[in-house]
Protein backbone atom coordinates (compact mmCIF):
# COMPACT_ATOMS: atom_id res chain seq x y z
CA MET A 1 -142.93 46.93 131.14
CA LYS A 2 -140.01 48.84 129.65
CA ILE A 3 -138.37 47.45 126.51
CA LEU A 4 -134.64 48.15 126.25
CA LEU A 5 -132.83 47.35 123.01
CA PHE A 6 -129.05 47.16 123.28
CA ASP A 7 -126.41 47.66 120.63
CA ILE A 8 -123.39 45.34 121.02
CA ASP A 9 -120.01 46.69 119.84
CA GLY A 10 -118.95 49.70 121.87
CA THR A 11 -122.02 49.40 124.09
CA LEU A 12 -121.83 45.96 125.72
CA ILE A 13 -118.42 44.68 124.63
CA LEU A 14 -115.30 45.47 122.66
CA SER A 15 -114.21 42.53 120.54
CA GLY A 16 -110.61 43.71 120.28
CA GLY A 17 -110.84 43.94 116.50
CA ALA A 18 -112.16 40.39 116.05
CA GLY A 19 -114.86 41.50 113.61
CA ASP A 20 -112.48 43.56 111.47
CA ARG A 21 -109.96 40.73 111.32
CA SER A 22 -112.66 38.24 110.38
CA LEU A 23 -113.96 40.36 107.51
CA THR A 24 -110.41 40.93 106.30
CA LYS A 25 -109.81 37.18 106.26
CA ALA A 26 -113.09 36.55 104.46
CA PHE A 27 -112.27 38.95 101.63
CA GLU A 28 -108.73 37.64 101.39
CA ARG A 29 -109.95 34.06 101.17
CA LEU A 30 -112.71 34.73 98.64
CA TYR A 31 -111.31 37.59 96.54
CA GLY A 32 -107.59 37.79 97.33
CA LEU A 33 -108.15 41.29 98.71
CA GLN A 34 -105.57 42.42 101.25
CA ARG A 35 -106.42 44.78 104.15
CA ALA A 36 -110.11 44.94 103.26
CA MET A 37 -111.00 46.94 106.37
CA GLN A 38 -108.29 49.57 105.94
CA GLY A 39 -110.00 52.97 105.69
CA ILE A 40 -113.43 51.53 106.54
CA LYS A 41 -115.16 52.97 109.60
CA PRO A 42 -117.59 50.31 110.87
CA ALA A 43 -119.01 52.12 113.94
CA GLY A 44 -122.80 52.08 113.84
CA LYS A 45 -123.00 50.30 110.46
CA THR A 46 -124.58 46.94 109.76
CA ASP A 47 -122.45 43.96 108.76
CA PRO A 48 -124.05 43.72 105.29
CA ALA A 49 -123.56 47.46 104.72
CA ILE A 50 -119.87 47.17 105.66
CA VAL A 51 -119.44 44.26 103.26
CA ARG A 52 -121.19 46.21 100.50
CA GLU A 53 -118.92 49.21 101.15
CA ILE A 54 -115.81 47.06 100.82
CA PHE A 55 -117.04 45.59 97.54
CA VAL A 56 -117.76 49.04 96.10
CA ARG A 57 -114.72 50.92 97.44
CA LYS A 58 -112.06 48.22 97.21
CA LEU A 59 -113.23 45.95 94.38
CA ASN A 60 -115.36 48.36 92.31
CA ILE A 61 -118.19 45.84 92.39
CA GLU A 62 -121.84 46.37 93.23
CA PRO A 63 -122.37 43.06 95.04
CA THR A 64 -125.36 40.77 94.78
CA ASP A 65 -127.17 39.57 97.89
CA GLU A 66 -125.60 36.17 97.33
CA GLN A 67 -122.08 37.63 97.27
CA ILE A 68 -122.72 39.48 100.52
CA LYS A 69 -124.08 36.31 102.12
CA GLU A 70 -121.04 34.33 100.95
CA VAL A 71 -118.66 36.82 102.55
CA LEU A 72 -120.65 36.83 105.79
CA ASP A 73 -120.70 33.03 105.91
CA VAL A 74 -116.89 32.97 105.78
CA TYR A 75 -116.76 35.90 108.20
CA VAL A 76 -118.71 33.89 110.78
CA GLU A 77 -116.38 30.91 110.33
CA CYS A 78 -113.40 33.17 111.05
CA LEU A 79 -115.16 35.02 113.87
CA VAL A 80 -115.43 31.96 116.09
CA ASP A 81 -111.65 31.70 116.54
CA GLU A 82 -111.04 35.45 116.37
CA VAL A 83 -113.39 36.16 119.27
CA LYS A 84 -112.15 33.18 121.25
CA ASN A 85 -108.52 34.23 120.91
CA SER A 86 -108.90 38.02 120.95
CA LYS A 87 -106.64 39.49 123.63
CA GLY A 88 -108.45 42.81 123.39
CA TYR A 89 -111.90 41.38 124.03
CA ARG A 90 -113.59 42.88 127.08
CA VAL A 91 -116.97 43.54 128.59
CA LEU A 92 -117.53 47.25 129.09
CA PRO A 93 -117.86 48.80 132.57
CA GLY A 94 -121.01 47.88 134.48
CA VAL A 95 -122.50 45.72 131.75
CA HIS A 96 -122.50 42.38 133.61
CA GLU A 97 -123.95 43.91 136.76
CA LEU A 98 -126.57 46.00 134.95
CA LEU A 99 -127.80 43.15 132.75
CA GLU A 100 -128.03 40.84 135.75
CA LYS A 101 -130.07 43.45 137.62
CA LEU A 102 -132.38 44.14 134.68
CA ASP A 103 -132.79 40.46 133.90
CA GLY A 104 -134.10 39.87 137.41
CA ASP A 105 -136.49 42.83 137.22
CA ARG A 106 -139.87 41.92 135.71
CA ASP A 107 -140.37 45.56 134.79
CA PHE A 108 -137.85 45.22 131.94
CA LEU A 109 -137.68 43.23 128.72
CA LEU A 110 -134.21 43.08 127.18
CA GLY A 111 -133.51 42.78 123.48
CA LEU A 112 -130.82 43.59 120.93
CA ALA A 113 -130.81 46.17 118.14
CA THR A 114 -127.50 45.61 116.41
CA GLY A 115 -125.87 45.81 113.01
CA ASN A 116 -124.26 42.43 113.69
CA ILE A 117 -125.82 39.52 111.87
CA GLU A 118 -127.47 37.23 114.40
CA ARG A 119 -124.82 34.50 114.21
CA GLY A 120 -122.09 37.08 114.78
CA ALA A 121 -123.96 38.64 117.68
CA ARG A 122 -124.28 35.27 119.38
CA ILE A 123 -120.56 34.55 118.96
CA LYS A 124 -119.48 37.94 120.29
CA LEU A 125 -121.75 37.86 123.34
CA SER A 126 -121.37 34.19 124.20
CA ARG A 127 -117.69 34.51 125.10
CA ALA A 128 -118.75 36.61 128.12
CA ASP A 129 -122.00 34.67 128.71
CA LEU A 130 -124.08 37.74 127.80
CA TRP A 131 -126.23 36.16 125.07
CA ARG A 132 -128.51 34.56 127.68
CA TYR A 133 -129.87 37.95 128.77
CA PHE A 134 -131.59 38.65 125.46
CA SER A 135 -134.77 36.87 124.40
CA PHE A 136 -135.22 38.66 121.06
CA GLY A 137 -133.70 41.30 118.82
CA GLY A 138 -133.21 42.91 115.45
CA PHE A 139 -130.01 42.11 113.55
CA GLY A 140 -127.96 42.95 110.49
CA SER A 141 -129.20 39.67 109.06
CA ASP A 142 -132.70 41.20 109.04
CA SER A 143 -131.77 44.33 107.07
CA GLU A 144 -128.92 46.61 106.02
CA GLU A 145 -130.86 49.59 107.39
CA ARG A 146 -130.56 50.37 111.10
CA ASP A 147 -134.06 51.82 111.47
CA VAL A 148 -135.57 48.66 109.96
CA ILE A 149 -133.58 46.59 112.43
CA VAL A 150 -134.93 48.65 115.32
CA ARG A 151 -138.48 48.37 114.02
CA MET A 152 -138.16 44.59 113.78
CA ALA A 153 -136.76 44.39 117.29
CA VAL A 154 -139.62 46.54 118.58
CA GLU A 155 -142.21 44.35 116.84
CA ARG A 156 -140.70 41.21 118.34
CA GLY A 157 -140.54 42.80 121.78
CA LEU A 158 -144.16 43.93 121.62
CA ARG A 159 -145.25 40.39 120.81
CA LEU A 160 -143.48 39.18 123.94
CA ALA A 161 -144.72 42.03 126.13
CA ASP A 162 -148.30 41.53 124.92
CA TYR A 163 -149.39 45.06 125.92
CA ASP A 164 -148.38 48.67 125.40
CA PRO A 165 -144.95 49.26 126.99
CA GLU A 166 -144.11 52.04 129.43
CA LEU A 167 -140.99 52.78 127.40
CA VAL A 168 -139.14 51.58 124.32
CA ALA A 169 -135.53 52.74 123.99
CA VAL A 170 -132.41 51.84 122.04
CA ILE A 171 -129.14 51.93 123.97
CA GLY A 172 -126.13 52.52 121.74
CA ASP A 173 -122.79 54.26 121.40
CA THR A 174 -123.04 56.06 118.05
CA PRO A 175 -125.14 58.75 116.37
CA ARG A 176 -126.30 56.05 113.94
CA ASP A 177 -127.91 54.18 116.86
CA ILE A 178 -129.65 57.38 117.92
CA LYS A 179 -130.89 58.20 114.43
CA ALA A 180 -132.14 54.63 113.90
CA ALA A 181 -134.06 54.77 117.17
CA HIS A 182 -135.72 58.06 116.28
CA ASP A 183 -136.45 56.97 112.71
CA ALA A 184 -138.20 53.93 114.21
CA GLY A 185 -140.21 56.13 116.56
CA VAL A 186 -138.55 55.18 119.86
CA PHE A 187 -136.24 56.92 122.33
CA ALA A 188 -132.44 56.82 122.23
CA VAL A 189 -130.03 56.33 125.13
CA GLY A 190 -126.38 57.07 124.42
CA VAL A 191 -123.43 55.46 126.16
CA ALA A 192 -119.99 56.97 125.60
CA THR A 193 -117.99 53.73 125.68
CA GLY A 194 -117.48 53.82 121.92
CA PRO A 195 -115.93 56.50 119.73
CA TYR A 196 -118.30 59.32 120.72
CA SER A 197 -118.48 61.47 123.85
CA VAL A 198 -121.54 62.14 125.99
CA ASP A 199 -121.80 65.63 124.50
CA GLU A 200 -121.60 64.28 120.95
CA LEU A 201 -124.34 61.76 121.72
CA TYR A 202 -126.57 64.46 123.20
CA ASN A 203 -125.87 66.67 120.20
CA SER A 204 -126.94 63.77 117.99
CA GLY A 205 -130.31 63.78 119.72
CA ALA A 206 -130.05 61.21 122.52
CA GLU A 207 -132.73 61.75 125.16
CA ILE A 208 -130.21 60.73 127.82
CA ALA A 209 -126.56 59.66 127.75
CA PHE A 210 -124.10 58.01 130.13
CA GLU A 211 -120.32 57.91 130.34
CA ASP A 212 -120.69 54.16 130.85
CA LEU A 213 -123.17 51.74 132.43
CA SER A 214 -121.42 51.28 135.76
CA ASP A 215 -123.78 53.36 137.94
CA ILE A 216 -126.89 51.16 138.17
CA GLY A 217 -128.70 53.57 140.49
CA ASP A 218 -128.22 56.47 138.09
CA PHE A 219 -129.31 54.29 135.18
CA TYR A 220 -132.55 53.34 136.93
CA LYS A 221 -133.20 56.95 137.94
CA LYS A 222 -132.78 58.31 134.42
CA ILE A 223 -134.70 55.47 132.79
CA LYS A 224 -137.60 56.22 135.14
CA VAL A 225 -137.59 59.86 134.03
CA LEU A 226 -137.37 58.77 130.40
CA SER A 227 -140.30 56.42 130.92
CA GLU A 228 -142.41 59.26 132.28
CA LYS A 229 -141.50 61.36 129.26
CA TRP A 230 -142.42 58.47 126.93
CA GLN A 231 -145.83 58.07 128.52
CA LYS A 232 -146.55 61.81 128.25
CA THR A 233 -145.72 61.75 124.54
CA ARG A 234 -148.11 58.81 124.07
CA SER A 235 -151.01 60.24 126.08
């Protein structure tokens, strides 16, 4: 069995700015801070890390865990309507078809490795009925650190697989996804549907990279090669 761990934003969907707007509203409601996300680059970061960055950069506060949780609770409240009403929300090319194919293939176990807190991940994916494809994951609600999130996702996947996998890989759209995968001891697959090109993802260390996920045949072919490489490194 091959364990594939997917990032969400920029990899599976684009929320059309729903997450940014929700965090902005949360800080405005709780702290009166306007334009909280202005100048913040969220790509590849965890939700708690983004919240911490806003506290430090915009409010000159080193937040407590409770303050971060309070912001994220309000964020989730706002996210429900923001995702529902987001005109820019879209599923990225090939995602529906690929997930449907992989879900029906007993050779694959699908999980998430995302900086989104779990409640936020569910909201973002449920609009497009994508949440049902994932039986486990690692989330920003588990840790602020991406490599810890990947490790937790891997541990949960291994418990479900119940034997040594033929491959474990993170699929993401940023160098942070690639670094987190490698720091956790697994392979990294880049997809250039976020802010980084295929070349940039390869230069960041991705074992393989795709322009998007629309060519299912090519995806299967390259994942097979990656699986063979994984097994050689483990033998």
